[in-house]
Amino acid sequence: MTWSIPQITTGAERYMLEHVLDRNRSELINAVRGLSEEEARRRLVASLTTPIALVKHAAAAERIWFQRVLAGVPENECGGGTTGGDPSFVVGDEETLADVIAEFECASARSRAMAARYDLDDITTHPHLGDVSLRFIYLLLSEDFARHSGHADILREQIVQSRANDRTGRSR
């Protein structure tokens, strides 16, 4: 399991929200870093959820919520997929784990820059949910990335155990 001790535990609300979101971004990356390309694409559940797909999905979530919903950036200017659900878990055969991590880090950096122009209480309209604030977006993505970090931790644990079993000749 990958987990780091929180470094920041007090501060203004925005500072804390930004820190928690950044920490969950990092935890997701840490959960997949060091896996081989084959391991990162290994499907251990019936859904499209793989370690690499979780990071790909998170990059799409960044673009959807910060670029499209918050800032109103046209879809063709978002630098990647902006469709949620199953399509956001699809990773191209030519994409490497390093590529997908870099995509997520780039989308996250752009999200930080865009969010800096708004107050926590600034309201924008989501096409299905209606009015949402930047505060809501921070909380939603923190929750989403924390959940997916947990998924990635479990998948990694299974992959690492399988790798160890392969080395010792034990069956899966």
N, C-alpha and C. Protein backbone atom coordinates (compact mmCIF):
# COMPACT_ATOMS: atom_id res chain seq x y z
N MET A 1 0.84 -1.18 0.00
CA MET A 1 0.00 0.00 0.00
C MET A 1 0.88 1.23 0.00
N THR A 2 0.51 2.22 -0.79
CA THR A 2 1.23 3.48 -0.80
C THR A 2 0.42 4.51 -0.04
N TRP A 3 1.03 5.10 0.95
CA TRP A 3 0.37 6.13 1.73
C TRP A 3 1.44 7.00 2.34
N SER A 4 1.23 8.28 2.28
CA SER A 4 2.19 9.20 2.87
C SER A 4 1.56 9.93 4.04
N ILE A 5 2.40 10.33 4.96
CA ILE A 5 1.93 11.08 6.12
C ILE A 5 1.63 12.51 5.66
N PRO A 6 0.45 13.03 6.02
CA PRO A 6 0.13 14.41 5.64
C PRO A 6 1.17 15.38 6.18
N GLN A 7 1.62 16.28 5.35
CA GLN A 7 2.62 17.27 5.75
C GLN A 7 1.97 18.58 6.20
N ILE A 8 0.78 18.83 5.72
CA ILE A 8 0.08 20.08 6.05
C ILE A 8 -1.22 19.70 6.74
N THR A 9 -1.41 20.20 7.94
CA THR A 9 -2.60 19.83 8.72
C THR A 9 -3.39 21.03 9.22
N THR A 10 -2.92 22.23 8.96
CA THR A 10 -3.65 23.44 9.35
C THR A 10 -3.48 24.48 8.26
N GLY A 11 -4.40 25.44 8.25
CA GLY A 11 -4.30 26.53 7.30
C GLY A 11 -5.67 27.00 6.87
N ALA A 12 -5.67 28.00 6.03
CA ALA A 12 -6.91 28.54 5.49
C ALA A 12 -7.61 27.47 4.65
N GLU A 13 -8.92 27.60 4.54
CA GLU A 13 -9.73 26.60 3.85
C GLU A 13 -9.21 26.30 2.44
N ARG A 14 -8.97 27.31 1.65
CA ARG A 14 -8.54 27.08 0.27
C ARG A 14 -7.20 26.35 0.23
N TYR A 15 -6.29 26.78 1.07
CA TYR A 15 -4.98 26.15 1.14
C TYR A 15 -5.13 24.66 1.48
N MET A 16 -5.99 24.34 2.43
CA MET A 16 -6.21 22.96 2.83
C MET A 16 -6.87 22.16 1.70
N LEU A 17 -7.88 22.75 1.04
CA LEU A 17 -8.54 22.04 -0.07
C LEU A 17 -7.54 21.75 -1.19
N GLU A 18 -6.74 22.73 -1.53
CA GLU A 18 -5.74 22.54 -2.59
C GLU A 18 -4.73 21.48 -2.19
N HIS A 19 -4.30 21.52 -0.93
CA HIS A 19 -3.32 20.55 -0.47
C HIS A 19 -3.88 19.12 -0.49
N VAL A 20 -5.10 18.94 0.00
CA VAL A 20 -5.69 17.60 0.01
C VAL A 20 -5.85 17.07 -1.41
N LEU A 21 -6.29 17.92 -2.32
CA LEU A 21 -6.43 17.48 -3.71
C LEU A 21 -5.05 17.11 -4.28
N ASP A 22 -4.05 17.95 -4.04
CA ASP A 22 -2.70 17.63 -4.54
C ASP A 22 -2.17 16.34 -3.92
N ARG A 23 -2.44 16.13 -2.65
CA ARG A 23 -1.99 14.91 -1.98
C ARG A 23 -2.65 13.68 -2.61
N ASN A 24 -3.95 13.78 -2.90
CA ASN A 24 -4.63 12.65 -3.54
C ASN A 24 -4.15 12.43 -4.96
N ARG A 25 -3.80 13.51 -5.66
CA ARG A 25 -3.20 13.35 -6.98
C ARG A 25 -1.90 12.56 -6.86
N SER A 26 -1.07 12.95 -5.91
CA SER A 26 0.22 12.28 -5.71
C SER A 26 0.06 10.83 -5.31
N GLU A 27 -0.90 10.56 -4.43
CA GLU A 27 -1.12 9.18 -3.99
C GLU A 27 -1.53 8.29 -5.16
N LEU A 28 -2.32 8.82 -6.07
CA LEU A 28 -2.72 8.03 -7.24
C LEU A 28 -1.49 7.71 -8.10
N ILE A 29 -0.67 8.70 -8.33
CA ILE A 29 0.54 8.47 -9.13
C ILE A 29 1.47 7.49 -8.41
N ASN A 30 1.65 7.68 -7.10
CA ASN A 30 2.54 6.79 -6.35
C ASN A 30 2.07 5.34 -6.38
N ALA A 31 0.77 5.13 -6.46
CA ALA A 31 0.23 3.77 -6.48
C ALA A 31 0.55 3.03 -7.77
N VAL A 32 0.83 3.75 -8.85
CA VAL A 32 1.11 3.08 -10.13
C VAL A 32 2.57 3.19 -10.56
N ARG A 33 3.27 4.15 -10.00
CA ARG A 33 4.68 4.34 -10.38
C ARG A 33 5.49 3.08 -10.06
N GLY A 34 6.33 2.69 -11.00
CA GLY A 34 7.18 1.52 -10.80
C GLY A 34 6.61 0.22 -11.33
N LEU A 35 5.34 0.25 -11.73
CA LEU A 35 4.79 -0.94 -12.36
C LEU A 35 5.33 -1.05 -13.78
N SER A 36 5.46 -2.26 -14.28
CA SER A 36 5.85 -2.43 -15.67
C SER A 36 4.67 -2.04 -16.55
N GLU A 37 4.92 -1.88 -17.82
CA GLU A 37 3.83 -1.55 -18.76
C GLU A 37 2.77 -2.66 -18.75
N GLU A 38 3.22 -3.88 -18.72
CA GLU A 38 2.27 -5.01 -18.69
C GLU A 38 1.46 -5.00 -17.39
N GLU A 39 2.13 -4.77 -16.28
CA GLU A 39 1.44 -4.73 -14.99
C GLU A 39 0.44 -3.59 -14.93
N ALA A 40 0.82 -2.43 -15.46
CA ALA A 40 -0.05 -1.26 -15.42
C ALA A 40 -1.34 -1.47 -16.21
N ARG A 41 -1.31 -2.36 -17.18
CA ARG A 41 -2.49 -2.63 -18.02
C ARG A 41 -3.24 -3.89 -17.59
N ARG A 42 -2.77 -4.52 -16.57
CA ARG A 42 -3.37 -5.78 -16.13
C ARG A 42 -4.78 -5.58 -15.58
N ARG A 43 -5.72 -6.34 -16.14
CA ARG A 43 -7.12 -6.26 -15.69
C ARG A 43 -7.37 -7.35 -14.67
N LEU A 44 -7.70 -6.91 -13.48
CA LEU A 44 -7.97 -7.84 -12.38
C LEU A 44 -9.42 -7.80 -11.94
N VAL A 45 -10.20 -6.93 -12.58
CA VAL A 45 -11.63 -6.80 -12.30
C VAL A 45 -12.38 -6.77 -13.62
N ALA A 46 -13.67 -6.95 -13.57
CA ALA A 46 -14.47 -7.03 -14.80
C ALA A 46 -14.56 -5.71 -15.55
N SER A 47 -14.45 -4.60 -14.86
CA SER A 47 -14.57 -3.29 -15.50
C SER A 47 -13.28 -2.95 -16.25
N LEU A 48 -13.24 -1.76 -16.82
CA LEU A 48 -12.05 -1.29 -17.53
C LEU A 48 -10.97 -0.79 -16.58
N THR A 49 -11.16 -0.97 -15.29
CA THR A 49 -10.24 -0.46 -14.29
C THR A 49 -8.93 -1.23 -14.27
N THR A 50 -7.87 -0.54 -14.64
CA THR A 50 -6.50 -1.03 -14.53
C THR A 50 -5.71 0.10 -13.88
N PRO A 51 -4.51 -0.16 -13.38
CA PRO A 51 -3.75 0.94 -12.79
C PRO A 51 -3.57 2.12 -13.74
N ILE A 52 -3.17 1.86 -14.97
CA ILE A 52 -2.95 2.95 -15.92
C ILE A 52 -4.26 3.66 -16.27
N ALA A 53 -5.35 2.89 -16.35
CA ALA A 53 -6.64 3.48 -16.69
C ALA A 53 -7.15 4.41 -15.59
N LEU A 54 -6.82 4.13 -14.34
CA LEU A 54 -7.21 5.02 -13.25
C LEU A 54 -6.57 6.40 -13.40
N VAL A 55 -5.32 6.42 -13.82
CA VAL A 55 -4.63 7.70 -14.02
C VAL A 55 -5.18 8.41 -15.25
N LYS A 56 -5.45 7.66 -16.29
CA LYS A 56 -6.05 8.23 -17.51
C LYS A 56 -7.40 8.86 -17.18
N HIS A 57 -8.20 8.16 -16.41
CA HIS A 57 -9.51 8.66 -15.98
C HIS A 57 -9.35 9.94 -15.16
N ALA A 58 -8.38 9.97 -14.28
CA ALA A 58 -8.16 11.16 -13.44
C ALA A 58 -7.78 12.37 -14.29
N ALA A 59 -7.00 12.16 -15.34
CA ALA A 59 -6.65 13.27 -16.24
C ALA A 59 -7.91 13.82 -16.91
N ALA A 60 -8.78 12.91 -17.34
CA ALA A 60 -10.04 13.36 -17.96
C ALA A 60 -10.89 14.12 -16.95
N ALA A 61 -10.93 13.64 -15.70
CA ALA A 61 -11.70 14.33 -14.66
C ALA A 61 -11.17 15.74 -14.43
N GLU A 62 -9.86 15.89 -14.43
CA GLU A 62 -9.27 17.23 -14.30
C GLU A 62 -9.77 18.15 -15.41
N ARG A 63 -9.72 17.65 -16.64
CA ARG A 63 -10.14 18.48 -17.77
C ARG A 63 -11.63 18.77 -17.73
N ILE A 64 -12.42 17.77 -17.39
CA ILE A 64 -13.87 17.97 -17.33
C ILE A 64 -14.21 19.05 -16.31
N TRP A 65 -13.73 18.89 -15.09
CA TRP A 65 -14.18 19.76 -14.01
C TRP A 65 -13.51 21.13 -14.00
N PHE A 66 -12.22 21.21 -14.23
CA PHE A 66 -11.56 22.51 -14.17
C PHE A 66 -11.59 23.26 -15.49
N GLN A 67 -11.36 22.56 -16.59
CA GLN A 67 -11.32 23.24 -17.88
C GLN A 67 -12.72 23.47 -18.44
N ARG A 68 -13.48 22.38 -18.57
CA ARG A 68 -14.80 22.51 -19.20
C ARG A 68 -15.81 23.17 -18.28
N VAL A 69 -16.01 22.63 -17.08
CA VAL A 69 -17.07 23.13 -16.20
C VAL A 69 -16.69 24.47 -15.58
N LEU A 70 -15.53 24.54 -14.93
CA LEU A 70 -15.17 25.78 -14.23
C LEU A 70 -14.85 26.91 -15.19
N ALA A 71 -13.94 26.66 -16.12
CA ALA A 71 -13.43 27.75 -16.96
C ALA A 71 -14.13 27.86 -18.32
N GLY A 72 -14.95 26.89 -18.70
CA GLY A 72 -15.66 26.97 -19.97
C GLY A 72 -14.78 26.84 -21.18
N VAL A 73 -13.66 26.13 -21.06
CA VAL A 73 -12.74 25.94 -22.18
C VAL A 73 -13.43 25.03 -23.20
N PRO A 74 -13.40 25.39 -24.48
CA PRO A 74 -13.97 24.51 -25.50
C PRO A 74 -13.29 23.13 -25.49
N GLU A 75 -14.07 22.11 -25.75
CA GLU A 75 -13.56 20.74 -25.68
C GLU A 75 -12.30 20.53 -26.51
N ASN A 76 -12.25 21.13 -27.69
CA ASN A 76 -11.10 20.93 -28.58
C ASN A 76 -9.85 21.66 -28.10
N GLU A 77 -9.94 22.43 -27.03
CA GLU A 77 -8.78 23.14 -26.50
C GLU A 77 -8.33 22.59 -25.15
N CYS A 78 -8.86 21.45 -24.77
CA CYS A 78 -8.58 20.89 -23.44
C CYS A 78 -7.34 19.99 -23.38
N GLY A 79 -6.77 19.65 -24.51
CA GLY A 79 -5.55 18.86 -24.50
C GLY A 79 -5.74 17.39 -24.17
N GLY A 80 -6.92 16.86 -24.39
CA GLY A 80 -7.18 15.45 -24.13
C GLY A 80 -8.65 15.20 -23.94
N GLY A 81 -8.97 13.97 -23.61
CA GLY A 81 -10.36 13.57 -23.48
C GLY A 81 -11.11 14.31 -22.39
N THR A 82 -12.37 14.60 -22.68
CA THR A 82 -13.24 15.26 -21.72
C THR A 82 -14.58 14.53 -21.60
N THR A 83 -14.55 13.25 -21.88
CA THR A 83 -15.74 12.42 -21.72
C THR A 83 -15.54 11.56 -20.49
N GLY A 84 -16.52 11.59 -19.59
CA GLY A 84 -16.42 10.80 -18.37
C GLY A 84 -16.86 9.37 -18.57
N GLY A 85 -17.02 8.65 -17.49
CA GLY A 85 -17.48 7.27 -17.55
C GLY A 85 -16.46 6.35 -18.18
N ASP A 86 -16.94 5.24 -18.73
CA ASP A 86 -16.06 4.23 -19.29
C ASP A 86 -15.06 4.76 -20.32
N PRO A 87 -15.45 5.68 -21.24
CA PRO A 87 -14.47 6.15 -22.21
C PRO A 87 -13.22 6.78 -21.58
N SER A 88 -13.37 7.34 -20.40
CA SER A 88 -12.21 7.98 -19.76
C SER A 88 -11.20 6.97 -19.23
N PHE A 89 -11.55 5.69 -19.21
CA PHE A 89 -10.65 4.64 -18.74
C PHE A 89 -9.90 3.97 -19.89
N VAL A 90 -10.16 4.37 -21.12
CA VAL A 90 -9.54 3.74 -22.28
C VAL A 90 -8.16 4.34 -22.53
N VAL A 91 -7.16 3.47 -22.56
CA VAL A 91 -5.78 3.88 -22.78
C VAL A 91 -5.34 3.30 -24.12
N GLY A 92 -4.79 4.15 -24.98
CA GLY A 92 -4.33 3.69 -26.29
C GLY A 92 -3.15 2.74 -26.18
N ASP A 93 -3.03 1.84 -27.13
CA ASP A 93 -1.93 0.86 -27.14
C ASP A 93 -0.57 1.54 -27.18
N GLU A 94 -0.50 2.73 -27.79
CA GLU A 94 0.77 3.42 -27.93
C GLU A 94 1.14 4.24 -26.69
N GLU A 95 0.20 4.41 -25.77
CA GLU A 95 0.45 5.21 -24.57
C GLU A 95 1.16 4.38 -23.51
N THR A 96 2.22 4.95 -22.94
CA THR A 96 2.95 4.28 -21.87
C THR A 96 2.46 4.80 -20.53
N LEU A 97 2.84 4.10 -19.48
CA LEU A 97 2.50 4.57 -18.13
C LEU A 97 3.11 5.94 -17.89
N ALA A 98 4.34 6.14 -18.32
CA ALA A 98 4.98 7.46 -18.17
C ALA A 98 4.20 8.53 -18.92
N ASP A 99 3.71 8.22 -20.12
CA ASP A 99 2.92 9.17 -20.90
C ASP A 99 1.64 9.56 -20.15
N VAL A 100 0.97 8.56 -19.59
CA VAL A 100 -0.31 8.82 -18.92
C VAL A 100 -0.10 9.59 -17.61
N ILE A 101 0.97 9.27 -16.89
CA ILE A 101 1.30 10.05 -15.70
C ILE A 101 1.59 11.49 -16.08
N ALA A 102 2.37 11.69 -17.13
CA ALA A 102 2.69 13.06 -17.58
C ALA A 102 1.43 13.79 -18.02
N GLU A 103 0.51 13.09 -18.68
CA GLU A 103 -0.76 13.69 -19.09
C GLU A 103 -1.55 14.16 -17.86
N PHE A 104 -1.61 13.31 -16.84
CA PHE A 104 -2.31 13.67 -15.60
C PHE A 104 -1.63 14.85 -14.91
N GLU A 105 -0.32 14.82 -14.84
CA GLU A 105 0.40 15.92 -14.20
C GLU A 105 0.20 17.23 -14.96
N CYS A 106 0.18 17.18 -16.28
CA CYS A 106 -0.07 18.37 -17.10
C CYS A 106 -1.48 18.88 -16.88
N ALA A 107 -2.46 17.99 -16.89
CA ALA A 107 -3.85 18.39 -16.66
C ALA A 107 -4.01 18.98 -15.26
N SER A 108 -3.33 18.41 -14.28
CA SER A 108 -3.40 18.91 -12.91
C SER A 108 -2.78 20.30 -12.80
N ALA A 109 -1.66 20.51 -13.45
CA ALA A 109 -1.01 21.82 -13.44
C ALA A 109 -1.93 22.87 -14.08
N ARG A 110 -2.56 22.50 -15.17
CA ARG A 110 -3.49 23.43 -15.82
C ARG A 110 -4.69 23.70 -14.92
N SER A 111 -5.16 22.68 -14.23
CA SER A 111 -6.27 22.86 -13.28
C SER A 111 -5.90 23.85 -12.19
N ARG A 112 -4.69 23.70 -11.64
CA ARG A 112 -4.24 24.62 -10.58
C ARG A 112 -4.24 26.06 -11.09
N ALA A 113 -3.71 26.25 -12.29
CA ALA A 113 -3.62 27.61 -12.86
C ALA A 113 -5.02 28.18 -13.10
N MET A 114 -5.93 27.37 -13.59
CA MET A 114 -7.29 27.86 -13.85
C MET A 114 -8.01 28.16 -12.55
N ALA A 115 -7.90 27.27 -11.58
CA ALA A 115 -8.59 27.46 -10.30
C ALA A 115 -8.11 28.71 -9.58
N ALA A 116 -6.86 29.07 -9.78
CA ALA A 116 -6.29 30.25 -9.10
C ALA A 116 -7.03 31.53 -9.48
N ARG A 117 -7.74 31.54 -10.58
CA ARG A 117 -8.46 32.73 -11.04
C ARG A 117 -9.85 32.85 -10.43
N TYR A 118 -10.25 31.87 -9.62
CA TYR A 118 -11.60 31.84 -9.07
C TYR A 118 -11.58 31.82 -7.55
N ASP A 119 -12.65 32.31 -6.96
CA ASP A 119 -12.86 32.18 -5.52
C ASP A 119 -13.59 30.87 -5.24
N LEU A 120 -13.47 30.39 -4.03
CA LEU A 120 -14.14 29.14 -3.66
C LEU A 120 -15.64 29.19 -3.89
N ASP A 121 -16.24 30.34 -3.70
CA ASP A 121 -17.69 30.46 -3.83
C ASP A 121 -18.16 30.85 -5.23
N ASP A 122 -17.22 31.00 -6.17
CA ASP A 122 -17.64 31.29 -7.54
C ASP A 122 -18.46 30.12 -8.07
N ILE A 123 -19.55 30.45 -8.74
CA ILE A 123 -20.51 29.45 -9.23
C ILE A 123 -20.41 29.33 -10.75
N THR A 124 -20.47 28.10 -11.20
CA THR A 124 -20.54 27.80 -12.61
C THR A 124 -21.63 26.73 -12.78
N THR A 125 -21.99 26.45 -14.00
CA THR A 125 -23.08 25.51 -14.22
C THR A 125 -22.58 24.22 -14.85
N HIS A 126 -22.85 23.13 -14.20
CA HIS A 126 -22.57 21.81 -14.74
C HIS A 126 -23.80 21.39 -15.55
N PRO A 127 -23.61 20.78 -16.72
CA PRO A 127 -24.76 20.46 -17.58
C PRO A 127 -25.80 19.53 -16.96
N HIS A 128 -25.41 18.72 -15.97
CA HIS A 128 -26.36 17.79 -15.37
C HIS A 128 -26.68 18.12 -13.91
N LEU A 129 -25.72 18.68 -13.21
CA LEU A 129 -25.90 18.95 -11.78
C LEU A 129 -26.43 20.35 -11.49
N GLY A 130 -26.30 21.23 -12.45
CA GLY A 130 -26.70 22.62 -12.21
C GLY A 130 -25.56 23.40 -11.60
N ASP A 131 -25.88 24.31 -10.69
CA ASP A 131 -24.86 25.18 -10.11
C ASP A 131 -23.88 24.41 -9.23
N VAL A 132 -22.59 24.67 -9.44
CA VAL A 132 -21.52 24.11 -8.63
C VAL A 132 -20.51 25.20 -8.34
N SER A 133 -19.86 25.10 -7.20
CA SER A 133 -18.82 26.07 -6.83
C SER A 133 -17.45 25.43 -7.00
N LEU A 134 -16.43 26.27 -6.98
CA LEU A 134 -15.07 25.76 -7.00
C LEU A 134 -14.84 24.89 -5.76
N ARG A 135 -15.37 25.28 -4.63
CA ARG A 135 -15.26 24.47 -3.40
C ARG A 135 -15.78 23.05 -3.66
N PHE A 136 -16.95 22.95 -4.29
CA PHE A 136 -17.52 21.65 -4.61
C PHE A 136 -16.56 20.85 -5.51
N ILE A 137 -15.99 21.50 -6.51
CA ILE A 137 -15.08 20.81 -7.44
C ILE A 137 -13.87 20.27 -6.68
N TYR A 138 -13.29 21.08 -5.81
CA TYR A 138 -12.17 20.60 -5.00
C TYR A 138 -12.57 19.37 -4.18
N LEU A 139 -13.71 19.45 -3.52
CA LEU A 139 -14.15 18.34 -2.67
C LEU A 139 -14.46 17.10 -3.50
N LEU A 140 -15.15 17.28 -4.62
CA LEU A 140 -15.52 16.15 -5.47
C LEU A 140 -14.28 15.43 -6.00
N LEU A 141 -13.32 16.19 -6.53
CA LEU A 141 -12.13 15.53 -7.09
C LEU A 141 -11.25 14.95 -6.01
N SER A 142 -11.20 15.58 -4.84
CA SER A 142 -10.45 14.99 -3.73
C SER A 142 -11.02 13.63 -3.38
N GLU A 143 -12.34 13.55 -3.30
CA GLU A 143 -13.00 12.29 -3.00
C GLU A 143 -12.78 11.27 -4.12
N ASP A 144 -12.92 11.71 -5.36
CA ASP A 144 -12.76 10.83 -6.51
C ASP A 144 -11.34 10.26 -6.57
N PHE A 145 -10.35 11.13 -6.42
CA PHE A 145 -8.96 10.68 -6.52
C PHE A 145 -8.57 9.82 -5.32
N ALA A 146 -9.12 10.11 -4.14
CA ALA A 146 -8.84 9.26 -2.97
C ALA A 146 -9.39 7.86 -3.20
N ARG A 147 -10.60 7.78 -3.72
CA ARG A 147 -11.23 6.48 -4.01
C ARG A 147 -10.40 5.71 -5.04
N HIS A 148 -10.00 6.40 -6.09
CA HIS A 148 -9.23 5.73 -7.14
C HIS A 148 -7.82 5.37 -6.68
N SER A 149 -7.26 6.14 -5.77
CA SER A 149 -5.97 5.77 -5.18
C SER A 149 -6.11 4.46 -4.42
N GLY A 150 -7.23 4.32 -3.71
CA GLY A 150 -7.49 3.06 -3.02
C GLY A 150 -7.63 1.90 -3.98
N HIS A 151 -8.35 2.14 -5.08
CA HIS A 151 -8.46 1.09 -6.11
C HIS A 151 -7.06 0.71 -6.62
N ALA A 152 -6.27 1.73 -6.92
CA ALA A 152 -4.92 1.49 -7.46
C ALA A 152 -4.05 0.75 -6.45
N ASP A 153 -4.18 1.09 -5.17
CA ASP A 153 -3.43 0.38 -4.12
C ASP A 153 -3.78 -1.11 -4.10
N ILE A 154 -5.06 -1.40 -4.19
CA ILE A 154 -5.49 -2.80 -4.15
C ILE A 154 -4.99 -3.55 -5.39
N LEU A 155 -5.12 -2.91 -6.56
CA LEU A 155 -4.62 -3.56 -7.78
C LEU A 155 -3.11 -3.77 -7.68
N ARG A 156 -2.39 -2.76 -7.21
CA ARG A 156 -0.94 -2.88 -7.08
C ARG A 156 -0.59 -4.02 -6.13
N GLU A 157 -1.29 -4.10 -5.01
CA GLU A 157 -1.03 -5.17 -4.05
C GLU A 157 -1.20 -6.53 -4.70
N GLN A 158 -2.26 -6.69 -5.49
CA GLN A 158 -2.49 -7.96 -6.17
C GLN A 158 -1.38 -8.24 -7.19
N ILE A 159 -0.98 -7.22 -7.91
CA ILE A 159 0.06 -7.37 -8.93
C ILE A 159 1.40 -7.72 -8.30
N VAL A 160 1.76 -7.02 -7.25
CA VAL A 160 3.03 -7.29 -6.58
C VAL A 160 3.04 -8.69 -5.97
N GLN A 161 1.92 -9.10 -5.38
CA GLN A 161 1.83 -10.45 -4.82
C GLN A 161 1.96 -11.49 -5.93
N SER A 162 1.32 -11.24 -7.04
CA SER A 162 1.41 -12.16 -8.17
C SER A 162 2.85 -12.25 -8.68
N ARG A 163 3.52 -11.10 -8.73
CA ARG A 163 4.92 -11.05 -9.16
C ARG A 163 5.79 -11.88 -8.21
N ALA A 164 5.55 -11.73 -6.91
CA ALA A 164 6.31 -12.48 -5.91
C ALA A 164 6.03 -13.98 -6.03
N ASN A 165 4.77 -14.31 -6.25
CA ASN A 165 4.41 -15.72 -6.41
C ASN A 165 5.07 -16.32 -7.65
N ASP A 166 5.14 -15.54 -8.74
CA ASP A 166 5.78 -16.01 -9.97
C ASP A 166 7.26 -16.31 -9.71
N ARG A 167 7.90 -15.49 -8.89
CA ARG A 167 9.33 -15.69 -8.61
C ARG A 167 9.57 -16.90 -7.73
N THR A 168 8.64 -17.19 -6.84
CA THR A 168 8.83 -18.31 -5.93
C THR A 168 8.20 -19.60 -6.45
N GLY A 169 7.51 -19.50 -7.57
CA GLY A 169 6.88 -20.68 -8.17
C GLY A 169 5.54 -21.04 -7.56
N ARG A 170 5.01 -20.18 -6.71
CA ARG A 170 3.69 -20.44 -6.13
C ARG A 170 2.62 -20.14 -7.17
N SER A 171 1.52 -20.83 -7.04
CA SER A 171 0.40 -20.56 -7.95
C SER A 171 -0.36 -19.34 -7.48
N ARG A 172 -1.06 -18.72 -8.40
CA ARG A 172 -1.85 -17.53 -8.08
C ARG A 172 -3.06 -17.96 -7.38
